[in-house]
Each structure stands twice: as structure tokens, then as C-alpha cells.
Amino acid sequence: MLSSLARIIVVSLVLGCIAGPAHAGAYADDLGKCLVKSTNTTDRYTLMKWLFAVLAVNPQVQSMANISKEQRDEIDRSVAALFQRLLTESCRNEIQQALKYEGPIVIQQSFQMFGQASMVELSSAPSVREAMTSFNKYVDEQKIKALFPPGTAK
């Protein structure tokens, strides 16, 4: 159960960081709000470090990240403590109600909300905003403008 829960959380966080808002029921929404409200900036950095470390093992990007086994173990310990605290203490009532009335999908939906909130906060750093748009210098603006029908905003 724990490994499938971990898989659901990983996929949900990744999707939550890159996808649009997921439609969630009232209990999943309450759980997501609890996850966000029960964490601070340090917790959200822990989450993002973990996601980065998880994604960095993909063979396509592995050479771009140098994460030692010791660092990976520390990140895993930190995120395990965070998830355990959130699920069994901070948001225990919310998760029990959500599971009871909306089923296991609530975990995915609420962690997507948590991932989105974390991504918004962490991507607000000026250096991150700059890096997110640095590819623009390689885009042919005229080709993009040509996509728009005449008279529309460009």
C-alpha cells in the first residue's frame, strides 16, 4: 500500500506542477487546502528538492544533476517525515473524511493542489522567472505572430 501511495503522490505532484487545475470534490479540496495551509516555505522546498531528485534519475536528464546517495537519502528522509506529518497529523481528519466520501482519488487531487501551490511559490524567485523565459531569445517572433488571424491581439 505504501509504495502505491508513494507512486500516486509522485505522479500527482509532478502533474500538479505542470498541469492545470484538477477538478476535485469538496473533501479533496478541503484536504488540498489543509496540505497547503499546514506547510511552510521550508516544507515546500523539501517537496521540490525531492521532486527534482526523483526526476533527475531519468536517463534523459541524469547527466545534468549530481545528487549523491547521501543527499538522496537525506531528501527521502525529509520528504517521508513531511508526508507522514501531513497525512497522519496535520490533515488526518481531512484525509479520513475525503477517503470516506470521495475515495482514493482524493489523494491524487489534493496533492496536485499542493504541488501547484508549491510550484507557484518556488517559481516566483526572479532567477527562476528569468530562466523560464530565457528560451525566448531563440524563438522566431515573426513565425509566432503569423499564427494569429489579422486583427487579433499578438
N, C-alpha and C. Protein backbone atom coordinates (compact mmCIF):
# COMPACT_ATOMS: atom_id res chain seq x y z
N MET A 1 0.83 -1.20 0.00
CA MET A 1 0.00 0.00 0.00
C MET A 1 0.86 1.25 0.00
N LEU A 2 1.92 1.26 0.80
CA LEU A 2 2.75 2.45 0.90
C LEU A 2 3.43 2.77 -0.42
N SER A 3 3.94 1.74 -1.12
CA SER A 3 4.62 2.04 -2.37
C SER A 3 3.64 2.54 -3.42
N SER A 4 2.41 2.03 -3.43
CA SER A 4 1.43 2.55 -4.38
C SER A 4 1.00 3.95 -3.97
N LEU A 5 0.92 4.23 -2.68
CA LEU A 5 0.62 5.58 -2.20
C LEU A 5 1.72 6.53 -2.62
N ALA A 6 2.96 6.11 -2.46
CA ALA A 6 4.08 6.95 -2.87
C ALA A 6 4.03 7.22 -4.37
N ARG A 7 3.71 6.21 -5.17
CA ARG A 7 3.60 6.40 -6.62
C ARG A 7 2.50 7.40 -6.95
N ILE A 8 1.37 7.28 -6.30
CA ILE A 8 0.25 8.21 -6.53
C ILE A 8 0.67 9.63 -6.18
N ILE A 9 1.35 9.79 -5.07
CA ILE A 9 1.79 11.11 -4.64
C ILE A 9 2.79 11.69 -5.63
N VAL A 10 3.77 10.88 -6.06
CA VAL A 10 4.77 11.36 -7.01
C VAL A 10 4.10 11.83 -8.30
N VAL A 11 3.27 10.98 -8.88
CA VAL A 11 2.61 11.33 -10.13
C VAL A 11 1.73 12.56 -9.94
N SER A 12 1.02 12.62 -8.85
CA SER A 12 0.14 13.76 -8.59
C SER A 12 0.92 15.05 -8.45
N LEU A 13 2.04 14.99 -7.74
CA LEU A 13 2.84 16.20 -7.56
C LEU A 13 3.43 16.66 -8.88
N VAL A 14 3.93 15.72 -9.66
CA VAL A 14 4.51 16.09 -10.96
C VAL A 14 3.42 16.69 -11.85
N LEU A 15 2.29 16.01 -11.93
CA LEU A 15 1.19 16.53 -12.75
C LEU A 15 0.68 17.86 -12.20
N GLY A 16 0.61 17.97 -10.90
CA GLY A 16 0.15 19.21 -10.29
C GLY A 16 1.06 20.38 -10.60
N CYS A 17 2.32 20.11 -10.76
CA CYS A 17 3.27 21.18 -11.05
C CYS A 17 3.24 21.61 -12.51
N ILE A 18 2.82 20.70 -13.40
CA ILE A 18 2.86 21.06 -14.82
C ILE A 18 1.49 21.16 -15.46
N ALA A 19 0.49 20.59 -14.84
CA ALA A 19 -0.85 20.58 -15.44
C ALA A 19 -1.69 21.71 -14.87
N GLY A 20 -2.83 21.91 -15.49
CA GLY A 20 -3.78 22.88 -14.99
C GLY A 20 -4.51 22.33 -13.78
N PRO A 21 -5.42 23.10 -13.23
CA PRO A 21 -6.15 22.67 -12.04
C PRO A 21 -6.97 21.41 -12.31
N ALA A 22 -6.96 20.52 -11.35
CA ALA A 22 -7.77 19.30 -11.46
C ALA A 22 -9.12 19.57 -10.80
N HIS A 23 -10.16 18.94 -11.34
CA HIS A 23 -11.48 19.08 -10.73
C HIS A 23 -11.52 18.17 -9.51
N ALA A 24 -11.77 18.74 -8.37
CA ALA A 24 -11.79 17.97 -7.14
C ALA A 24 -13.11 18.19 -6.43
N GLY A 25 -13.52 17.17 -5.69
CA GLY A 25 -14.71 17.29 -4.88
C GLY A 25 -14.44 18.14 -3.65
N ALA A 26 -15.48 18.38 -2.89
CA ALA A 26 -15.37 19.25 -1.72
C ALA A 26 -14.37 18.71 -0.69
N TYR A 27 -14.35 17.41 -0.49
CA TYR A 27 -13.45 16.85 0.52
C TYR A 27 -12.00 16.86 0.03
N ALA A 28 -11.80 16.56 -1.25
CA ALA A 28 -10.45 16.64 -1.82
C ALA A 28 -9.95 18.08 -1.77
N ASP A 29 -10.84 19.00 -2.03
CA ASP A 29 -10.49 20.41 -1.98
C ASP A 29 -10.08 20.81 -0.55
N ASP A 30 -10.85 20.35 0.43
CA ASP A 30 -10.52 20.63 1.83
C ASP A 30 -9.16 20.03 2.20
N LEU A 31 -8.90 18.81 1.73
CA LEU A 31 -7.63 18.17 2.01
C LEU A 31 -6.49 18.94 1.35
N GLY A 32 -6.67 19.34 0.09
CA GLY A 32 -5.64 20.11 -0.59
C GLY A 32 -5.34 21.41 0.13
N LYS A 33 -6.40 22.09 0.58
CA LYS A 33 -6.22 23.34 1.32
C LYS A 33 -5.47 23.08 2.63
N CYS A 34 -5.78 21.98 3.27
CA CYS A 34 -5.09 21.63 4.52
C CYS A 34 -3.61 21.39 4.25
N LEU A 35 -3.29 20.68 3.17
CA LEU A 35 -1.89 20.41 2.84
C LEU A 35 -1.13 21.72 2.62
N VAL A 36 -1.74 22.65 1.92
CA VAL A 36 -1.10 23.93 1.65
C VAL A 36 -0.97 24.74 2.94
N LYS A 37 -2.06 24.80 3.70
CA LYS A 37 -2.09 25.59 4.95
C LYS A 37 -1.15 25.02 6.01
N SER A 38 -0.93 23.72 5.99
CA SER A 38 -0.13 23.06 7.02
C SER A 38 1.35 23.01 6.71
N THR A 39 1.75 23.64 5.62
CA THR A 39 3.16 23.64 5.24
C THR A 39 3.68 25.07 5.17
N ASN A 40 4.99 25.17 5.30
CA ASN A 40 5.65 26.46 5.19
C ASN A 40 6.63 26.41 4.02
N THR A 41 7.34 27.49 3.81
CA THR A 41 8.28 27.56 2.69
C THR A 41 9.32 26.45 2.76
N THR A 42 9.82 26.16 3.93
CA THR A 42 10.81 25.09 4.09
C THR A 42 10.22 23.75 3.65
N ASP A 43 8.98 23.48 4.03
CA ASP A 43 8.32 22.23 3.63
C ASP A 43 8.19 22.16 2.11
N ARG A 44 7.82 23.28 1.50
CA ARG A 44 7.63 23.29 0.05
C ARG A 44 8.97 23.13 -0.68
N TYR A 45 10.05 23.68 -0.11
CA TYR A 45 11.37 23.45 -0.68
C TYR A 45 11.76 21.98 -0.53
N THR A 46 11.42 21.38 0.58
CA THR A 46 11.69 19.95 0.76
C THR A 46 10.99 19.15 -0.33
N LEU A 47 9.73 19.49 -0.58
CA LEU A 47 8.96 18.82 -1.62
C LEU A 47 9.61 18.99 -2.99
N MET A 48 10.00 20.21 -3.32
CA MET A 48 10.59 20.46 -4.64
C MET A 48 11.96 19.80 -4.78
N LYS A 49 12.76 19.78 -3.71
CA LYS A 49 14.04 19.07 -3.77
C LYS A 49 13.81 17.60 -4.07
N TRP A 50 12.81 17.03 -3.42
CA TRP A 50 12.50 15.63 -3.61
C TRP A 50 12.04 15.37 -5.04
N LEU A 51 11.14 16.20 -5.54
CA LEU A 51 10.68 16.04 -6.92
C LEU A 51 11.84 16.16 -7.90
N PHE A 52 12.70 17.13 -7.67
CA PHE A 52 13.87 17.31 -8.53
C PHE A 52 14.73 16.05 -8.49
N ALA A 53 15.00 15.53 -7.29
CA ALA A 53 15.84 14.35 -7.15
C ALA A 53 15.20 13.13 -7.82
N VAL A 54 13.89 13.02 -7.72
CA VAL A 54 13.18 11.90 -8.36
C VAL A 54 13.28 12.01 -9.88
N LEU A 55 13.00 13.19 -10.41
CA LEU A 55 13.03 13.37 -11.86
C LEU A 55 14.45 13.28 -12.41
N ALA A 56 15.44 13.60 -11.59
CA ALA A 56 16.83 13.59 -12.04
C ALA A 56 17.37 12.19 -12.32
N VAL A 57 16.69 11.15 -11.91
CA VAL A 57 17.16 9.79 -12.21
C VAL A 57 16.74 9.34 -13.60
N ASN A 58 15.91 10.12 -14.28
CA ASN A 58 15.53 9.79 -15.64
C ASN A 58 16.79 9.83 -16.52
N PRO A 59 17.04 8.78 -17.30
CA PRO A 59 18.27 8.74 -18.11
C PRO A 59 18.44 9.94 -19.04
N GLN A 60 17.35 10.58 -19.44
CA GLN A 60 17.45 11.72 -20.35
C GLN A 60 18.03 12.97 -19.69
N VAL A 61 17.93 13.07 -18.38
CA VAL A 61 18.43 14.26 -17.68
C VAL A 61 19.44 13.93 -16.58
N GLN A 62 19.69 12.66 -16.38
CA GLN A 62 20.54 12.23 -15.28
C GLN A 62 21.91 12.89 -15.29
N SER A 63 22.48 13.11 -16.45
CA SER A 63 23.82 13.70 -16.52
C SER A 63 23.83 15.17 -16.12
N MET A 64 22.67 15.80 -16.01
CA MET A 64 22.59 17.22 -15.67
C MET A 64 22.53 17.47 -14.17
N ALA A 65 22.34 16.43 -13.38
CA ALA A 65 22.22 16.57 -11.93
C ALA A 65 23.23 15.66 -11.25
N ASN A 66 23.86 16.17 -10.24
CA ASN A 66 24.83 15.40 -9.49
C ASN A 66 24.35 15.31 -8.04
N ILE A 67 23.53 14.31 -7.76
CA ILE A 67 22.97 14.14 -6.43
C ILE A 67 23.59 12.88 -5.83
N SER A 68 24.29 13.05 -4.74
CA SER A 68 24.96 11.90 -4.11
C SER A 68 23.93 11.00 -3.42
N LYS A 69 24.34 9.77 -3.14
CA LYS A 69 23.47 8.84 -2.43
C LYS A 69 23.11 9.41 -1.06
N GLU A 70 24.05 10.05 -0.40
CA GLU A 70 23.80 10.65 0.90
C GLU A 70 22.76 11.77 0.80
N GLN A 71 22.90 12.61 -0.22
CA GLN A 71 21.93 13.69 -0.42
C GLN A 71 20.54 13.11 -0.71
N ARG A 72 20.51 12.09 -1.56
CA ARG A 72 19.23 11.46 -1.92
C ARG A 72 18.58 10.85 -0.67
N ASP A 73 19.38 10.19 0.16
CA ASP A 73 18.84 9.60 1.40
C ASP A 73 18.29 10.69 2.33
N GLU A 74 19.00 11.79 2.46
CA GLU A 74 18.54 12.89 3.32
C GLU A 74 17.24 13.50 2.77
N ILE A 75 17.18 13.68 1.46
CA ILE A 75 15.96 14.21 0.83
C ILE A 75 14.80 13.24 1.07
N ASP A 76 15.04 11.94 0.89
CA ASP A 76 13.99 10.94 1.13
C ASP A 76 13.51 10.96 2.57
N ARG A 77 14.45 11.06 3.52
CA ARG A 77 14.06 11.12 4.94
C ARG A 77 13.21 12.35 5.22
N SER A 78 13.62 13.47 4.66
CA SER A 78 12.90 14.72 4.91
C SER A 78 11.49 14.69 4.33
N VAL A 79 11.36 14.19 3.11
CA VAL A 79 10.03 14.18 2.49
C VAL A 79 9.15 13.12 3.14
N ALA A 80 9.73 12.01 3.59
CA ALA A 80 8.94 11.00 4.29
C ALA A 80 8.37 11.58 5.58
N ALA A 81 9.19 12.32 6.30
CA ALA A 81 8.71 12.96 7.54
C ALA A 81 7.62 13.98 7.22
N LEU A 82 7.79 14.73 6.14
CA LEU A 82 6.78 15.71 5.74
C LEU A 82 5.46 15.02 5.39
N PHE A 83 5.50 14.01 4.52
CA PHE A 83 4.28 13.30 4.13
C PHE A 83 3.61 12.65 5.33
N GLN A 84 4.42 12.03 6.19
CA GLN A 84 3.85 11.38 7.37
C GLN A 84 3.17 12.39 8.27
N ARG A 85 3.82 13.53 8.50
CA ARG A 85 3.22 14.56 9.34
C ARG A 85 1.91 15.07 8.74
N LEU A 86 1.93 15.35 7.45
CA LEU A 86 0.73 15.87 6.79
C LEU A 86 -0.42 14.87 6.83
N LEU A 87 -0.13 13.62 6.51
CA LEU A 87 -1.19 12.62 6.38
C LEU A 87 -1.68 12.07 7.72
N THR A 88 -0.80 11.99 8.70
CA THR A 88 -1.21 11.35 9.95
C THR A 88 -1.44 12.32 11.10
N GLU A 89 -1.01 13.57 10.93
CA GLU A 89 -1.19 14.55 12.00
C GLU A 89 -1.95 15.78 11.50
N SER A 90 -1.28 16.60 10.71
CA SER A 90 -1.82 17.91 10.32
C SER A 90 -3.16 17.81 9.59
N CYS A 91 -3.29 16.85 8.70
CA CYS A 91 -4.51 16.75 7.87
C CYS A 91 -5.21 15.41 8.04
N ARG A 92 -5.02 14.80 9.18
CA ARG A 92 -5.59 13.47 9.42
C ARG A 92 -7.11 13.44 9.25
N ASN A 93 -7.79 14.38 9.86
CA ASN A 93 -9.25 14.40 9.77
C ASN A 93 -9.71 14.62 8.33
N GLU A 94 -9.04 15.56 7.64
CA GLU A 94 -9.41 15.87 6.25
C GLU A 94 -9.20 14.67 5.33
N ILE A 95 -8.10 13.94 5.53
CA ILE A 95 -7.87 12.79 4.65
C ILE A 95 -8.85 11.67 4.95
N GLN A 96 -9.17 11.47 6.22
CA GLN A 96 -10.14 10.42 6.56
C GLN A 96 -11.51 10.74 5.96
N GLN A 97 -11.94 11.99 6.07
CA GLN A 97 -13.24 12.38 5.50
C GLN A 97 -13.22 12.27 3.97
N ALA A 98 -12.13 12.71 3.37
CA ALA A 98 -12.02 12.66 1.91
C ALA A 98 -12.03 11.23 1.40
N LEU A 99 -11.28 10.36 2.06
CA LEU A 99 -11.26 8.94 1.64
C LEU A 99 -12.63 8.31 1.83
N LYS A 100 -13.29 8.65 2.93
CA LYS A 100 -14.61 8.07 3.22
C LYS A 100 -15.64 8.47 2.17
N TYR A 101 -15.66 9.75 1.78
CA TYR A 101 -16.73 10.24 0.92
C TYR A 101 -16.36 10.33 -0.56
N GLU A 102 -15.07 10.38 -0.87
CA GLU A 102 -14.69 10.55 -2.28
C GLU A 102 -13.73 9.49 -2.79
N GLY A 103 -13.22 8.64 -1.91
CA GLY A 103 -12.36 7.55 -2.34
C GLY A 103 -10.91 7.94 -2.52
N PRO A 104 -10.08 6.97 -2.91
CA PRO A 104 -8.63 7.17 -3.00
C PRO A 104 -8.18 8.24 -3.99
N ILE A 105 -9.00 8.59 -4.96
CA ILE A 105 -8.63 9.62 -5.94
C ILE A 105 -8.35 10.96 -5.26
N VAL A 106 -8.89 11.16 -4.06
CA VAL A 106 -8.68 12.43 -3.35
C VAL A 106 -7.21 12.67 -3.05
N ILE A 107 -6.45 11.61 -2.86
CA ILE A 107 -5.03 11.78 -2.58
C ILE A 107 -4.37 12.43 -3.79
N GLN A 108 -4.66 11.91 -4.97
CA GLN A 108 -4.10 12.48 -6.19
C GLN A 108 -4.53 13.93 -6.36
N GLN A 109 -5.80 14.20 -6.22
CA GLN A 109 -6.31 15.55 -6.44
C GLN A 109 -5.74 16.55 -5.44
N SER A 110 -5.69 16.16 -4.19
CA SER A 110 -5.22 17.10 -3.17
C SER A 110 -3.71 17.34 -3.28
N PHE A 111 -2.94 16.32 -3.62
CA PHE A 111 -1.51 16.52 -3.79
C PHE A 111 -1.20 17.30 -5.06
N GLN A 112 -2.07 17.22 -6.06
CA GLN A 112 -1.91 18.10 -7.23
C GLN A 112 -2.04 19.56 -6.80
N MET A 113 -3.04 19.84 -5.98
CA MET A 113 -3.23 21.20 -5.49
C MET A 113 -2.01 21.65 -4.69
N PHE A 114 -1.51 20.78 -3.85
CA PHE A 114 -0.33 21.08 -3.05
C PHE A 114 0.88 21.34 -3.96
N GLY A 115 1.07 20.51 -4.97
CA GLY A 115 2.17 20.68 -5.92
C GLY A 115 2.07 22.00 -6.67
N GLN A 116 0.86 22.35 -7.09
CA GLN A 116 0.66 23.62 -7.80
C GLN A 116 0.99 24.80 -6.91
N ALA A 117 0.52 24.77 -5.68
CA ALA A 117 0.80 25.87 -4.75
C ALA A 117 2.30 25.98 -4.48
N SER A 118 2.96 24.86 -4.35
CA SER A 118 4.41 24.87 -4.12
C SER A 118 5.14 25.43 -5.32
N MET A 119 4.72 25.03 -6.51
CA MET A 119 5.38 25.49 -7.73
C MET A 119 5.21 26.99 -7.91
N VAL A 120 4.03 27.51 -7.60
CA VAL A 120 3.80 28.95 -7.72
C VAL A 120 4.76 29.71 -6.81
N GLU A 121 4.85 29.27 -5.57
CA GLU A 121 5.74 29.95 -4.62
C GLU A 121 7.19 29.87 -5.05
N LEU A 122 7.64 28.69 -5.43
CA LEU A 122 9.05 28.50 -5.75
C LEU A 122 9.44 29.10 -7.09
N SER A 123 8.50 29.22 -8.01
CA SER A 123 8.83 29.81 -9.30
C SER A 123 8.74 31.33 -9.28
N SER A 124 8.39 31.90 -8.14
CA SER A 124 8.29 33.36 -8.05
C SER A 124 9.65 34.03 -7.86
N ALA A 125 10.69 33.25 -7.60
CA ALA A 125 12.03 33.83 -7.47
C ALA A 125 12.43 34.46 -8.80
N PRO A 126 12.98 35.67 -8.77
CA PRO A 126 13.36 36.34 -10.02
C PRO A 126 14.28 35.49 -10.92
N SER A 127 15.21 34.78 -10.33
CA SER A 127 16.12 33.95 -11.13
C SER A 127 15.37 32.83 -11.85
N VAL A 128 14.36 32.28 -11.20
CA VAL A 128 13.56 31.21 -11.82
C VAL A 128 12.70 31.80 -12.94
N ARG A 129 12.06 32.93 -12.67
CA ARG A 129 11.24 33.58 -13.71
C ARG A 129 12.09 33.89 -14.94
N GLU A 130 13.30 34.38 -14.71
CA GLU A 130 14.20 34.70 -15.82
C GLU A 130 14.57 33.42 -16.59
N ALA A 131 14.89 32.35 -15.87
CA ALA A 131 15.26 31.10 -16.53
C ALA A 131 14.09 30.51 -17.32
N MET A 132 12.87 30.72 -16.82
CA MET A 132 11.69 30.17 -17.51
C MET A 132 11.42 30.86 -18.84
N THR A 133 11.95 32.04 -19.03
CA THR A 133 11.71 32.78 -20.27
C THR A 133 12.96 32.92 -21.13
N SER A 134 14.07 32.38 -20.68
CA SER A 134 15.33 32.57 -21.41
C SER A 134 15.31 31.93 -22.80
N PHE A 135 14.46 30.96 -23.03
CA PHE A 135 14.39 30.33 -24.35
C PHE A 135 13.83 31.27 -25.41
N ASN A 136 13.14 32.34 -24.96
CA ASN A 136 12.53 33.28 -25.90
C ASN A 136 13.52 33.87 -26.89
N LYS A 137 14.78 33.97 -26.50
CA LYS A 137 15.78 34.56 -27.40
C LYS A 137 16.00 33.69 -28.63
N TYR A 138 15.53 32.43 -28.60
CA TYR A 138 15.70 31.53 -29.73
C TYR A 138 14.42 31.33 -30.55
N VAL A 139 13.35 31.98 -30.14
CA VAL A 139 12.06 31.86 -30.83
C VAL A 139 11.97 32.90 -31.93
N ASP A 140 11.52 32.48 -33.10
CA ASP A 140 11.30 33.39 -34.22
C ASP A 140 9.95 34.07 -33.99
N GLU A 141 9.99 35.29 -33.51
CA GLU A 141 8.78 36.02 -33.15
C GLU A 141 7.83 36.20 -34.34
N GLN A 142 8.39 36.40 -35.52
CA GLN A 142 7.56 36.61 -36.71
C GLN A 142 6.74 35.35 -37.03
N LYS A 143 7.32 34.18 -36.85
CA LYS A 143 6.58 32.93 -37.08
C LYS A 143 5.45 32.77 -36.08
N ILE A 144 5.67 33.17 -34.87
CA ILE A 144 4.63 33.07 -33.85
C ILE A 144 3.52 34.08 -34.16
N LYS A 145 3.89 35.30 -34.49
CA LYS A 145 2.90 36.32 -34.81
C LYS A 145 2.05 35.91 -36.01
N ALA A 146 2.64 35.21 -36.97
CA ALA A 146 1.93 34.78 -38.16
C ALA A 146 0.81 33.78 -37.86
N LEU A 147 0.82 33.18 -36.69
CA LEU A 147 -0.22 32.22 -36.29
C LEU A 147 -1.54 32.90 -36.01
N PHE A 148 -1.50 34.17 -35.61
CA PHE A 148 -2.70 34.89 -35.20
C PHE A 148 -3.43 35.47 -36.41
N PRO A 149 -4.75 35.32 -36.43
CA PRO A 149 -5.53 35.95 -37.52
C PRO A 149 -5.37 37.45 -37.49
N PRO A 150 -5.49 38.11 -38.66
CA PRO A 150 -5.38 39.57 -38.69
C PRO A 150 -6.40 40.22 -37.73
N GLY A 151 -5.98 41.25 -37.05
CA GLY A 151 -6.85 41.99 -36.15
C GLY A 151 -6.94 41.45 -34.74
N THR A 152 -6.27 40.34 -34.44
CA THR A 152 -6.28 39.81 -33.07
C THR A 152 -5.05 40.29 -32.33
N ALA A 153 -5.14 40.31 -31.05
CA ALA A 153 -4.02 40.74 -30.22
C ALA A 153 -2.88 39.77 -30.36
N LYS A 154 -1.68 40.32 -30.41
CA LYS A 154 -0.48 39.47 -30.56
C LYS A 154 0.47 39.71 -29.41
